[in-house]
Amino acid sequence: MRGKIKEYTNNPGSASLLNTIIGSLVIVAAAHGIPIDGAIATIVVLYILKIGINVFCKYTAPDGEAEQAKNNNS
């Protein structure tokens, strides 16, 4: 999913790619036992695209992973 988001960032005019990302989010959520509506998935995807996937992953990572990423970047 991260690769698709980065690809969309390079080509923001691609509506089919945006639909693919939204569909991927619905499938990933369902695989983890979280049923999510397409409308909610759209809002989540647009939010992630707005703030950037790297920022989103950094601030939603568990504490141990966040510290490790911070140390790796230093």
N, C-alpha and C. Protein backbone atom coordinates (compact mmCIF):
# COMPACT_ATOMS: atom_id res chain seq x y z
N MET A 1 0.83 -1.19 0.00
CA MET A 1 0.00 0.00 0.00
C MET A 1 0.87 1.25 0.00
N ARG A 2 1.97 1.20 0.73
CA ARG A 2 2.86 2.35 0.79
C ARG A 2 3.39 2.70 -0.60
N GLY A 3 3.72 1.70 -1.40
CA GLY A 3 4.22 1.92 -2.76
C GLY A 3 3.17 2.59 -3.63
N LYS A 4 1.92 2.18 -3.48
CA LYS A 4 0.84 2.78 -4.25
C LYS A 4 0.64 4.24 -3.87
N ILE A 5 0.78 4.53 -2.58
CA ILE A 5 0.62 5.92 -2.13
C ILE A 5 1.75 6.77 -2.68
N LYS A 6 2.97 6.26 -2.66
CA LYS A 6 4.09 7.03 -3.22
C LYS A 6 3.91 7.23 -4.72
N GLU A 7 3.39 6.22 -5.41
CA GLU A 7 3.14 6.34 -6.84
C GLU A 7 2.08 7.40 -7.11
N TYR A 8 1.03 7.43 -6.28
CA TYR A 8 -0.02 8.44 -6.43
C TYR A 8 0.52 9.84 -6.16
N THR A 9 1.44 9.96 -5.22
CA THR A 9 2.05 11.26 -4.91
C THR A 9 2.77 11.81 -6.14
N ASN A 10 3.38 10.92 -6.92
CA ASN A 10 4.06 11.35 -8.15
C ASN A 10 3.09 11.68 -9.27
N ASN A 11 1.88 11.10 -9.23
CA ASN A 11 0.89 11.31 -10.28
C ASN A 11 -0.48 11.56 -9.64
N PRO A 12 -0.69 12.74 -9.04
CA PRO A 12 -1.93 12.98 -8.30
C PRO A 12 -3.19 13.07 -9.17
N GLY A 13 -3.05 13.10 -10.47
CA GLY A 13 -4.22 13.18 -11.34
C GLY A 13 -4.82 11.84 -11.68
N SER A 14 -4.25 10.76 -11.19
CA SER A 14 -4.71 9.42 -11.53
C SER A 14 -5.84 8.98 -10.61
N ALA A 15 -7.08 9.08 -11.12
CA ALA A 15 -8.25 8.69 -10.33
C ALA A 15 -8.29 7.19 -10.11
N SER A 16 -7.85 6.42 -11.10
CA SER A 16 -7.88 4.96 -10.94
C SER A 16 -6.90 4.51 -9.86
N LEU A 17 -5.77 5.18 -9.75
CA LEU A 17 -4.81 4.85 -8.71
C LEU A 17 -5.37 5.20 -7.33
N LEU A 18 -6.07 6.31 -7.23
CA LEU A 18 -6.71 6.68 -5.96
C LEU A 18 -7.74 5.64 -5.56
N ASN A 19 -8.54 5.18 -6.52
CA ASN A 19 -9.52 4.13 -6.22
C ASN A 19 -8.84 2.84 -5.79
N THR A 20 -7.70 2.53 -6.38
CA THR A 20 -6.95 1.34 -6.00
C THR A 20 -6.46 1.43 -4.55
N ILE A 21 -5.98 2.61 -4.17
CA ILE A 21 -5.51 2.81 -2.79
C ILE A 21 -6.66 2.65 -1.81
N ILE A 22 -7.80 3.23 -2.14
CA ILE A 22 -8.97 3.13 -1.25
C ILE A 22 -9.41 1.67 -1.13
N GLY A 23 -9.45 0.97 -2.24
CA GLY A 23 -9.80 -0.45 -2.21
C GLY A 23 -8.81 -1.27 -1.41
N SER A 24 -7.53 -0.94 -1.54
CA SER A 24 -6.50 -1.65 -0.78
C SER A 24 -6.68 -1.45 0.72
N LEU A 25 -7.04 -0.24 1.12
CA LEU A 25 -7.26 0.04 2.53
C LEU A 25 -8.43 -0.78 3.05
N VAL A 26 -9.50 -0.85 2.29
CA VAL A 26 -10.67 -1.65 2.70
C VAL A 26 -10.28 -3.11 2.86
N ILE A 27 -9.50 -3.64 1.93
CA ILE A 27 -9.09 -5.04 1.98
C ILE A 27 -8.14 -5.31 3.15
N VAL A 28 -7.18 -4.42 3.36
CA VAL A 28 -6.23 -4.60 4.48
C VAL A 28 -6.97 -4.53 5.81
N ALA A 29 -7.89 -3.59 5.94
CA ALA A 29 -8.65 -3.48 7.18
C ALA A 29 -9.49 -4.73 7.41
N ALA A 30 -10.14 -5.22 6.36
CA ALA A 30 -10.97 -6.43 6.49
C ALA A 30 -10.13 -7.64 6.86
N ALA A 31 -8.92 -7.72 6.31
CA ALA A 31 -8.03 -8.84 6.63
C ALA A 31 -7.63 -8.83 8.10
N HIS A 32 -7.64 -7.66 8.72
CA HIS A 32 -7.30 -7.55 10.13
C HIS A 32 -8.54 -7.53 11.03
N GLY A 33 -9.70 -7.85 10.44
CA GLY A 33 -10.92 -7.95 11.22
C GLY A 33 -11.61 -6.63 11.49
N ILE A 34 -11.28 -5.60 10.72
CA ILE A 34 -11.89 -4.28 10.92
C ILE A 34 -12.71 -3.95 9.67
N PRO A 35 -14.02 -4.14 9.73
CA PRO A 35 -14.83 -3.78 8.57
C PRO A 35 -14.87 -2.25 8.43
N ILE A 36 -14.58 -1.76 7.25
CA ILE A 36 -14.54 -0.31 7.04
C ILE A 36 -15.31 0.01 5.77
N ASP A 37 -16.14 1.02 5.84
CA ASP A 37 -16.93 1.47 4.71
C ASP A 37 -16.04 2.22 3.72
N GLY A 38 -16.40 2.17 2.46
CA GLY A 38 -15.62 2.85 1.43
C GLY A 38 -15.53 4.35 1.63
N ALA A 39 -16.61 4.95 2.14
CA ALA A 39 -16.60 6.41 2.37
C ALA A 39 -15.60 6.77 3.47
N ILE A 40 -15.56 5.97 4.52
CA ILE A 40 -14.60 6.23 5.60
C ILE A 40 -13.19 5.97 5.11
N ALA A 41 -13.01 4.92 4.32
CA ALA A 41 -11.69 4.62 3.76
C ALA A 41 -11.21 5.77 2.87
N THR A 42 -12.12 6.39 2.14
CA THR A 42 -11.76 7.53 1.30
C THR A 42 -11.23 8.68 2.14
N ILE A 43 -11.90 8.97 3.24
CA ILE A 43 -11.45 10.05 4.13
C ILE A 43 -10.08 9.74 4.71
N VAL A 44 -9.89 8.49 5.14
CA VAL A 44 -8.61 8.08 5.71
C VAL A 44 -7.49 8.21 4.67
N VAL A 45 -7.74 7.74 3.46
CA VAL A 45 -6.73 7.81 2.40
C VAL A 45 -6.40 9.25 2.06
N LEU A 46 -7.40 10.09 1.93
CA LEU A 46 -7.14 11.51 1.62
C LEU A 46 -6.36 12.18 2.74
N TYR A 47 -6.63 11.81 3.99
CA TYR A 47 -5.87 12.36 5.12
C TYR A 47 -4.41 11.92 5.05
N ILE A 48 -4.20 10.63 4.79
CA ILE A 48 -2.83 10.12 4.70
C ILE A 48 -2.09 10.79 3.55
N LEU A 49 -2.76 10.97 2.42
CA LEU A 49 -2.12 11.64 1.28
C LEU A 49 -1.80 13.10 1.61
N LYS A 50 -2.64 13.74 2.39
CA LYS A 50 -2.43 15.15 2.75
C LYS A 50 -1.20 15.32 3.63
N ILE A 51 -1.08 14.50 4.67
CA ILE A 51 0.05 14.68 5.59
C ILE A 51 1.30 13.94 5.15
N GLY A 52 1.14 12.98 4.26
CA GLY A 52 2.29 12.21 3.80
C GLY A 52 2.38 10.89 4.53
N ILE A 53 2.69 9.85 3.80
CA ILE A 53 2.73 8.50 4.37
C ILE A 53 3.85 8.35 5.38
N ASN A 54 4.99 8.98 5.17
CA ASN A 54 6.11 8.82 6.11
C ASN A 54 5.79 9.46 7.45
N VAL A 55 5.17 10.63 7.43
CA VAL A 55 4.78 11.29 8.67
C VAL A 55 3.74 10.45 9.40
N PHE A 56 2.77 9.94 8.66
CA PHE A 56 1.73 9.11 9.26
C PHE A 56 2.32 7.87 9.92
N CYS A 57 3.22 7.20 9.24
CA CYS A 57 3.84 5.98 9.80
C CYS A 57 4.70 6.31 11.01
N LYS A 58 5.40 7.43 10.97
CA LYS A 58 6.28 7.81 12.08
C LYS A 58 5.47 8.06 13.35
N TYR A 59 4.34 8.76 13.22
CA TYR A 59 3.57 9.12 14.41
C TYR A 59 2.57 8.06 14.84
N THR A 60 2.38 7.01 14.06
CA THR A 60 1.49 5.94 14.48
C THR A 60 2.24 4.66 14.83
N ALA A 61 3.57 4.70 14.75
CA ALA A 61 4.37 3.53 15.10
C ALA A 61 4.39 3.34 16.61
N PRO A 62 4.47 2.09 17.06
CA PRO A 62 4.63 1.85 18.50
C PRO A 62 5.91 2.54 19.00
N ASP A 63 5.97 2.81 20.29
CA ASP A 63 7.08 3.57 20.87
C ASP A 63 8.45 2.99 20.52
N GLY A 64 8.61 1.70 20.60
CA GLY A 64 9.90 1.07 20.32
C GLY A 64 10.34 1.29 18.88
N GLU A 65 9.41 1.18 17.95
CA GLU A 65 9.75 1.38 16.53
C GLU A 65 10.05 2.85 16.25
N ALA A 66 9.35 3.76 16.90
CA ALA A 66 9.59 5.19 16.70
C ALA A 66 10.98 5.57 17.18
N GLU A 67 11.37 5.04 18.33
CA GLU A 67 12.71 5.33 18.85
C GLU A 67 13.78 4.74 17.94
N GLN A 68 13.55 3.54 17.44
CA GLN A 68 14.52 2.90 16.56
C GLN A 68 14.66 3.69 15.26
N ALA A 69 13.55 4.17 14.71
CA ALA A 69 13.60 4.96 13.48
C ALA A 69 14.32 6.27 13.73
N LYS A 70 14.09 6.87 14.90
CA LYS A 70 14.75 8.13 15.23
C LYS A 70 16.27 7.92 15.33
N ASN A 71 16.68 6.81 15.96
CA ASN A 71 18.10 6.52 16.10
C ASN A 71 18.75 6.20 14.77
N ASN A 72 18.03 5.54 13.86
CA ASN A 72 18.57 5.21 12.55
C ASN A 72 18.77 6.45 11.70
N ASN A 73 17.94 7.48 11.89
CA ASN A 73 18.04 8.71 11.10
C ASN A 73 19.13 9.63 11.61
N SER A 74 19.61 9.39 12.83
CA SER A 74 20.65 10.28 13.41
C SER A 74 22.01 9.98 12.86
